[in-house]
Amino acid sequence: MQESLHLNLERQKDRLVSYCNAKGYKVAKIVTEIGSGLNDFRPKLENLLIDKEITTIVVEHKDRLCRFGTNYIEKLLKMQNREIEIVNPVQDERSDLMEDFVSIITSFTARLYGQRRSKRKTEKLIEKLETEI
């Protein structure tokens, strides 16, 4: 599965470089990051957004950048005379909305199970500390 993910990422990168070349863009930086569009801790994306030398950020699909808040990022970048170019914008709002819904449920389910595991670890730690006293 991980190998397939990396292969898909490489293909996506190649498509975007070809797209940029065809549009006459100078590709200054290629950033790849495997992570959820719902995750708000993405160091490579943060660095890209902070780098004022990058004037156009090209992504294949909106959700490759982030699942929500793209509009805010676009507005902030526009204030700096920068932009995001989405190669394949959403054609079907309903499908896009359903993908967002599934992503939210998946993300929250993973977080919920993570919290449960964390709670069990905390309880075990408390037990251990109590037996040591």
N, C-alpha and C. Protein backbone atom coordinates (compact mmCIF):
# COMPACT_ATOMS: atom_id res chain seq x y z
N MET A 1 0.81 -1.18 0.00
CA MET A 1 0.00 0.00 0.00
C MET A 1 0.86 1.26 0.00
N GLN A 2 1.87 1.31 0.87
CA GLN A 2 2.76 2.47 0.95
C GLN A 2 3.48 2.69 -0.38
N GLU A 3 3.89 1.60 -1.01
CA GLU A 3 4.57 1.70 -2.30
C GLU A 3 3.63 2.30 -3.35
N SER A 4 2.39 1.88 -3.35
CA SER A 4 1.38 2.40 -4.27
C SER A 4 1.16 3.89 -4.04
N LEU A 5 1.15 4.29 -2.78
CA LEU A 5 0.96 5.70 -2.42
C LEU A 5 2.10 6.55 -2.98
N HIS A 6 3.32 6.06 -2.82
CA HIS A 6 4.48 6.80 -3.33
C HIS A 6 4.48 6.85 -4.85
N LEU A 7 4.06 5.77 -5.49
CA LEU A 7 4.00 5.74 -6.95
C LEU A 7 2.96 6.74 -7.45
N ASN A 8 1.80 6.78 -6.81
CA ASN A 8 0.76 7.76 -7.19
C ASN A 8 1.25 9.19 -6.99
N LEU A 9 1.98 9.42 -5.91
CA LEU A 9 2.52 10.74 -5.63
C LEU A 9 3.53 11.15 -6.71
N GLU A 10 4.36 10.20 -7.12
CA GLU A 10 5.34 10.47 -8.19
C GLU A 10 4.64 10.81 -9.51
N ARG A 11 3.61 10.06 -9.83
CA ARG A 11 2.86 10.32 -11.06
C ARG A 11 2.19 11.69 -11.01
N GLN A 12 1.62 12.02 -9.86
CA GLN A 12 0.98 13.33 -9.69
C GLN A 12 2.02 14.44 -9.87
N LYS A 13 3.18 14.25 -9.27
CA LYS A 13 4.26 15.23 -9.39
C LYS A 13 4.66 15.41 -10.86
N ASP A 14 4.82 14.30 -11.58
CA ASP A 14 5.19 14.36 -13.00
C ASP A 14 4.13 15.10 -13.82
N ARG A 15 2.86 14.83 -13.55
CA ARG A 15 1.78 15.52 -14.27
C ARG A 15 1.83 17.03 -14.02
N LEU A 16 2.06 17.40 -12.78
CA LEU A 16 2.08 18.82 -12.45
C LEU A 16 3.30 19.53 -13.05
N VAL A 17 4.44 18.87 -13.06
CA VAL A 17 5.62 19.47 -13.70
C VAL A 17 5.37 19.64 -15.19
N SER A 18 4.78 18.64 -15.83
CA SER A 18 4.44 18.75 -17.26
C SER A 18 3.47 19.88 -17.50
N TYR A 19 2.47 20.01 -16.64
CA TYR A 19 1.49 21.08 -16.74
C TYR A 19 2.18 22.44 -16.64
N CYS A 20 3.03 22.60 -15.64
CA CYS A 20 3.74 23.87 -15.44
C CYS A 20 4.63 24.20 -16.63
N ASN A 21 5.33 23.20 -17.14
CA ASN A 21 6.18 23.42 -18.32
C ASN A 21 5.34 23.85 -19.51
N ALA A 22 4.20 23.21 -19.71
CA ALA A 22 3.31 23.55 -20.84
C ALA A 22 2.77 24.98 -20.71
N LYS A 23 2.57 25.45 -19.47
CA LYS A 23 2.08 26.81 -19.23
C LYS A 23 3.21 27.84 -19.25
N GLY A 24 4.45 27.36 -19.33
CA GLY A 24 5.59 28.27 -19.34
C GLY A 24 6.03 28.73 -17.97
N TYR A 25 5.60 28.03 -16.92
CA TYR A 25 6.00 28.37 -15.56
C TYR A 25 7.41 27.86 -15.29
N LYS A 26 8.16 28.61 -14.51
CA LYS A 26 9.45 28.13 -14.03
C LYS A 26 9.18 27.41 -12.71
N VAL A 27 9.48 26.14 -12.65
CA VAL A 27 9.25 25.36 -11.43
C VAL A 27 10.42 25.60 -10.49
N ALA A 28 10.17 26.35 -9.42
CA ALA A 28 11.22 26.70 -8.47
C ALA A 28 11.36 25.66 -7.37
N LYS A 29 10.26 25.00 -7.05
CA LYS A 29 10.28 24.06 -5.93
C LYS A 29 9.18 23.03 -6.14
N ILE A 30 9.51 21.78 -5.83
CA ILE A 30 8.51 20.71 -5.84
C ILE A 30 8.38 20.21 -4.41
N VAL A 31 7.17 20.27 -3.90
CA VAL A 31 6.93 19.85 -2.52
C VAL A 31 5.95 18.70 -2.54
N THR A 32 6.35 17.60 -1.93
CA THR A 32 5.44 16.46 -1.79
C THR A 32 5.32 16.15 -0.30
N GLU A 33 4.13 15.85 0.09
CA GLU A 33 3.88 15.54 1.49
C GLU A 33 2.72 14.56 1.56
N ILE A 34 2.94 13.47 2.24
CA ILE A 34 1.87 12.50 2.41
C ILE A 34 1.18 12.81 3.73
N GLY A 35 -0.08 13.13 3.64
CA GLY A 35 -0.83 13.46 4.84
C GLY A 35 -2.25 13.82 4.46
N SER A 36 -3.09 13.87 5.43
CA SER A 36 -4.49 14.19 5.21
C SER A 36 -4.68 15.67 4.96
N GLY A 37 -5.57 15.98 4.05
CA GLY A 37 -5.95 17.37 3.81
C GLY A 37 -6.65 17.97 5.01
N LEU A 38 -7.04 17.14 5.97
CA LEU A 38 -7.67 17.61 7.20
C LEU A 38 -6.65 17.93 8.28
N ASN A 39 -5.44 17.44 8.10
CA ASN A 39 -4.40 17.62 9.10
C ASN A 39 -3.90 19.06 9.04
N ASP A 40 -3.90 19.76 10.16
CA ASP A 40 -3.42 21.14 10.15
C ASP A 40 -1.97 21.26 10.61
N PHE A 41 -1.28 20.13 10.77
CA PHE A 41 0.15 20.16 11.04
C PHE A 41 0.87 19.52 9.86
N ARG A 42 1.20 20.35 8.90
CA ARG A 42 1.91 19.89 7.71
C ARG A 42 3.07 20.84 7.44
N PRO A 43 4.24 20.54 8.00
CA PRO A 43 5.39 21.44 7.95
C PRO A 43 5.80 21.87 6.54
N LYS A 44 5.74 20.96 5.60
CA LYS A 44 6.14 21.32 4.23
C LYS A 44 5.17 22.33 3.62
N LEU A 45 3.89 22.14 3.86
CA LEU A 45 2.90 23.09 3.37
C LEU A 45 3.09 24.44 4.06
N GLU A 46 3.31 24.42 5.36
CA GLU A 46 3.54 25.67 6.09
C GLU A 46 4.72 26.43 5.50
N ASN A 47 5.82 25.73 5.25
CA ASN A 47 7.00 26.38 4.68
C ASN A 47 6.72 26.96 3.30
N LEU A 48 5.94 26.25 2.52
CA LEU A 48 5.58 26.72 1.18
C LEU A 48 4.74 27.99 1.27
N LEU A 49 3.81 28.02 2.19
CA LEU A 49 2.94 29.18 2.34
C LEU A 49 3.70 30.40 2.88
N ILE A 50 4.72 30.17 3.66
CA ILE A 50 5.52 31.26 4.24
C ILE A 50 6.51 31.83 3.23
N ASP A 51 6.98 31.00 2.30
CA ASP A 51 8.02 31.40 1.33
C ASP A 51 7.46 32.39 0.31
N LYS A 52 7.74 33.66 0.49
CA LYS A 52 7.21 34.70 -0.39
C LYS A 52 7.83 34.70 -1.78
N GLU A 53 8.89 33.92 -1.96
CA GLU A 53 9.51 33.79 -3.28
C GLU A 53 8.62 32.96 -4.22
N ILE A 54 7.78 32.12 -3.63
CA ILE A 54 6.86 31.29 -4.41
C ILE A 54 5.63 32.12 -4.71
N THR A 55 5.42 32.45 -5.98
CA THR A 55 4.29 33.33 -6.34
C THR A 55 3.05 32.55 -6.77
N THR A 56 3.25 31.35 -7.30
CA THR A 56 2.12 30.53 -7.73
C THR A 56 2.31 29.11 -7.19
N ILE A 57 1.33 28.65 -6.47
CA ILE A 57 1.34 27.27 -5.96
C ILE A 57 0.37 26.49 -6.82
N VAL A 58 0.87 25.45 -7.47
CA VAL A 58 0.05 24.66 -8.38
C VAL A 58 -0.24 23.31 -7.73
N VAL A 59 -1.54 22.99 -7.65
CA VAL A 59 -1.96 21.69 -7.12
C VAL A 59 -2.93 21.06 -8.11
N GLU A 60 -2.96 19.74 -8.13
CA GLU A 60 -3.83 19.05 -9.08
C GLU A 60 -5.29 19.16 -8.68
N HIS A 61 -5.58 18.95 -7.41
CA HIS A 61 -6.94 19.03 -6.88
C HIS A 61 -6.91 19.85 -5.60
N LYS A 62 -7.98 20.55 -5.31
CA LYS A 62 -8.08 21.39 -4.11
C LYS A 62 -7.73 20.61 -2.84
N ASP A 63 -8.23 19.38 -2.75
CA ASP A 63 -8.01 18.62 -1.52
C ASP A 63 -6.58 18.14 -1.34
N ARG A 64 -5.74 18.31 -2.35
CA ARG A 64 -4.32 17.99 -2.19
C ARG A 64 -3.64 19.06 -1.35
N LEU A 65 -4.23 20.25 -1.36
CA LEU A 65 -3.70 21.35 -0.55
C LEU A 65 -4.29 21.28 0.85
N CYS A 66 -5.61 21.34 0.92
CA CYS A 66 -6.32 21.19 2.19
C CYS A 66 -7.78 20.89 1.89
N ARG A 67 -8.42 20.27 2.83
CA ARG A 67 -9.81 19.87 2.63
C ARG A 67 -10.74 21.05 2.83
N PHE A 68 -10.42 21.90 3.80
CA PHE A 68 -11.24 23.07 4.10
C PHE A 68 -10.34 24.29 4.26
N GLY A 69 -10.89 25.45 4.00
CA GLY A 69 -10.14 26.69 4.23
C GLY A 69 -9.33 27.17 3.05
N THR A 70 -9.46 26.51 1.91
CA THR A 70 -8.69 26.92 0.73
C THR A 70 -8.98 28.38 0.38
N ASN A 71 -10.23 28.77 0.52
CA ASN A 71 -10.62 30.14 0.20
C ASN A 71 -9.85 31.15 1.04
N TYR A 72 -9.68 30.85 2.34
CA TYR A 72 -8.93 31.76 3.21
C TYR A 72 -7.47 31.84 2.79
N ILE A 73 -6.89 30.69 2.48
CA ILE A 73 -5.49 30.67 2.06
C ILE A 73 -5.32 31.46 0.77
N GLU A 74 -6.26 31.29 -0.17
CA GLU A 74 -6.20 32.03 -1.43
C GLU A 74 -6.26 33.54 -1.18
N LYS A 75 -7.14 33.97 -0.30
CA LYS A 75 -7.27 35.40 0.00
C LYS A 75 -6.01 35.97 0.64
N LEU A 76 -5.44 35.23 1.58
CA LEU A 76 -4.21 35.69 2.22
C LEU A 76 -3.05 35.76 1.23
N LEU A 77 -2.95 34.76 0.37
CA LEU A 77 -1.89 34.78 -0.64
C LEU A 77 -2.09 35.93 -1.62
N LYS A 78 -3.33 36.19 -1.98
CA LYS A 78 -3.64 37.27 -2.92
C LYS A 78 -3.17 38.61 -2.36
N MET A 79 -3.27 38.78 -1.05
CA MET A 79 -2.80 40.02 -0.42
C MET A 79 -1.29 40.20 -0.61
N GLN A 80 -0.59 39.12 -0.90
CA GLN A 80 0.86 39.15 -1.12
C GLN A 80 1.19 39.02 -2.61
N ASN A 81 0.17 39.20 -3.46
CA ASN A 81 0.33 39.03 -4.92
C ASN A 81 0.81 37.63 -5.28
N ARG A 82 0.25 36.65 -4.57
CA ARG A 82 0.55 35.24 -4.82
C ARG A 82 -0.77 34.54 -5.08
N GLU A 83 -0.69 33.31 -5.61
CA GLU A 83 -1.93 32.60 -5.91
C GLU A 83 -1.76 31.09 -5.85
N ILE A 84 -2.91 30.44 -5.77
CA ILE A 84 -2.99 28.98 -5.87
C ILE A 84 -3.68 28.69 -7.19
N GLU A 85 -3.09 27.82 -7.96
CA GLU A 85 -3.72 27.39 -9.21
C GLU A 85 -4.11 25.93 -9.07
N ILE A 86 -5.40 25.67 -9.19
CA ILE A 86 -5.92 24.31 -9.09
C ILE A 86 -6.16 23.81 -10.50
N VAL A 87 -5.41 22.79 -10.90
CA VAL A 87 -5.45 22.29 -12.27
C VAL A 87 -6.80 21.67 -12.59
N ASN A 88 -7.31 20.84 -11.70
CA ASN A 88 -8.59 20.17 -11.91
C ASN A 88 -9.60 20.61 -10.85
N PRO A 89 -10.27 21.75 -11.10
CA PRO A 89 -11.26 22.20 -10.11
C PRO A 89 -12.45 21.26 -10.06
N VAL A 90 -13.18 21.36 -8.98
CA VAL A 90 -14.35 20.49 -8.76
C VAL A 90 -15.39 20.76 -9.84
N GLN A 91 -15.89 19.68 -10.44
CA GLN A 91 -16.94 19.79 -11.44
C GLN A 91 -18.31 19.51 -10.83
N ASP A 92 -18.33 18.64 -9.84
CA ASP A 92 -19.58 18.20 -9.24
C ASP A 92 -19.56 18.52 -7.74
N GLU A 93 -20.26 19.57 -7.36
CA GLU A 93 -20.29 20.01 -5.96
C GLU A 93 -20.79 18.91 -5.02
N ARG A 94 -21.78 18.14 -5.48
CA ARG A 94 -22.35 17.09 -4.63
C ARG A 94 -21.31 16.02 -4.31
N SER A 95 -20.57 15.58 -5.32
CA SER A 95 -19.52 14.58 -5.09
C SER A 95 -18.44 15.13 -4.17
N ASP A 96 -18.08 16.39 -4.38
CA ASP A 96 -17.06 17.03 -3.56
C ASP A 96 -17.53 17.10 -2.10
N LEU A 97 -18.78 17.45 -1.91
CA LEU A 97 -19.34 17.52 -0.57
C LEU A 97 -19.35 16.15 0.10
N MET A 98 -19.69 15.11 -0.66
CA MET A 98 -19.70 13.74 -0.10
C MET A 98 -18.27 13.31 0.28
N GLU A 99 -17.28 13.65 -0.55
CA GLU A 99 -15.89 13.31 -0.23
C GLU A 99 -15.46 14.02 1.05
N ASP A 100 -15.86 15.30 1.20
CA ASP A 100 -15.54 16.04 2.42
C ASP A 100 -16.18 15.37 3.63
N PHE A 101 -17.42 14.96 3.49
CA PHE A 101 -18.14 14.32 4.59
C PHE A 101 -17.44 13.02 5.01
N VAL A 102 -17.09 12.20 4.05
CA VAL A 102 -16.41 10.93 4.35
C VAL A 102 -15.06 11.21 5.02
N SER A 103 -14.35 12.21 4.53
CA SER A 103 -13.05 12.57 5.12
C SER A 103 -13.19 13.00 6.56
N ILE A 104 -14.21 13.79 6.84
CA ILE A 104 -14.43 14.26 8.21
C ILE A 104 -14.73 13.08 9.13
N ILE A 105 -15.63 12.20 8.70
CA ILE A 105 -15.99 11.04 9.52
C ILE A 105 -14.76 10.17 9.76
N THR A 106 -13.98 9.93 8.72
CA THR A 106 -12.77 9.11 8.84
C THR A 106 -11.78 9.74 9.82
N SER A 107 -11.57 11.04 9.66
CA SER A 107 -10.62 11.74 10.52
C SER A 107 -11.06 11.72 11.98
N PHE A 108 -12.33 12.03 12.23
CA PHE A 108 -12.81 12.06 13.60
C PHE A 108 -12.84 10.66 14.23
N THR A 109 -13.13 9.66 13.44
CA THR A 109 -13.11 8.29 13.95
C THR A 109 -11.70 7.92 14.38
N ALA A 110 -10.72 8.26 13.54
CA ALA A 110 -9.32 7.96 13.87
C ALA A 110 -8.90 8.71 15.13
N ARG A 111 -9.31 9.95 15.25
CA ARG A 111 -8.97 10.73 16.45
C ARG A 111 -9.64 10.17 17.68
N LEU A 112 -10.89 9.75 17.54
CA LEU A 112 -11.62 9.19 18.67
C LEU A 112 -10.93 7.92 19.17
N TYR A 113 -10.57 7.02 18.26
CA TYR A 113 -9.89 5.80 18.68
C TYR A 113 -8.53 6.11 19.27
N GLY A 114 -7.86 7.12 18.73
CA GLY A 114 -6.58 7.54 19.28
C GLY A 114 -6.73 8.07 20.70
N GLN A 115 -7.82 8.80 20.96
CA GLN A 115 -8.06 9.32 22.30
C GLN A 115 -8.34 8.18 23.27
N ARG A 116 -9.07 7.18 22.80
CA ARG A 116 -9.37 6.04 23.67
C ARG A 116 -8.07 5.33 24.07
N ARG A 117 -7.19 5.13 23.08
CA ARG A 117 -5.91 4.49 23.36
C ARG A 117 -5.10 5.34 24.34
N SER A 118 -5.13 6.63 24.13
CA SER A 118 -4.41 7.56 24.98
C SER A 118 -4.95 7.52 26.40
N LYS A 119 -6.28 7.44 26.53
CA LYS A 119 -6.92 7.37 27.84
C LYS A 119 -6.48 6.10 28.56
N ARG A 120 -6.44 4.96 27.82
CA ARG A 120 -6.01 3.70 28.44
C ARG A 120 -4.55 3.80 28.91
N LYS A 121 -3.71 4.44 28.11
CA LYS A 121 -2.31 4.60 28.50
C LYS A 121 -2.21 5.44 29.76
N THR A 122 -2.98 6.49 29.83
CA THR A 122 -2.97 7.36 31.01
C THR A 122 -3.43 6.59 32.24
N GLU A 123 -4.50 5.80 32.09
CA GLU A 123 -5.00 5.01 33.22
C GLU A 123 -3.94 4.02 33.70
N LYS A 124 -3.24 3.38 32.77
CA LYS A 124 -2.18 2.43 33.16
C LYS A 124 -1.04 3.15 33.86
N LEU A 125 -0.70 4.33 33.39
CA LEU A 125 0.36 5.10 34.02
C LEU A 125 -0.02 5.48 35.45
N ILE A 126 -1.27 5.90 35.65
CA ILE A 126 -1.74 6.25 36.99
C ILE A 126 -1.68 5.03 37.90
N GLU A 127 -2.13 3.87 37.40
CA GLU A 127 -2.07 2.64 38.19
C GLU A 127 -0.65 2.33 38.62
N LYS A 128 0.28 2.47 37.68
CA LYS A 128 1.68 2.17 37.96
C LYS A 128 2.22 3.13 39.02
N LEU A 129 1.89 4.39 38.88
CA LEU A 129 2.37 5.38 39.84
C LEU A 129 1.79 5.11 41.23
N GLU A 130 0.51 4.72 41.28
CA GLU A 130 -0.13 4.43 42.57
C GLU A 130 0.48 3.22 43.26
N THR A 131 0.86 2.21 42.49
CA THR A 131 1.45 1.01 43.09
C THR A 131 2.89 1.27 43.56
N GLU A 132 3.56 2.26 42.98
CA GLU A 132 4.92 2.60 43.38
C GLU A 132 4.95 3.43 44.66
N ILE A 133 3.84 4.05 44.99
CA ILE A 133 3.83 4.92 46.19
C ILE A 133 3.75 4.12 47.44
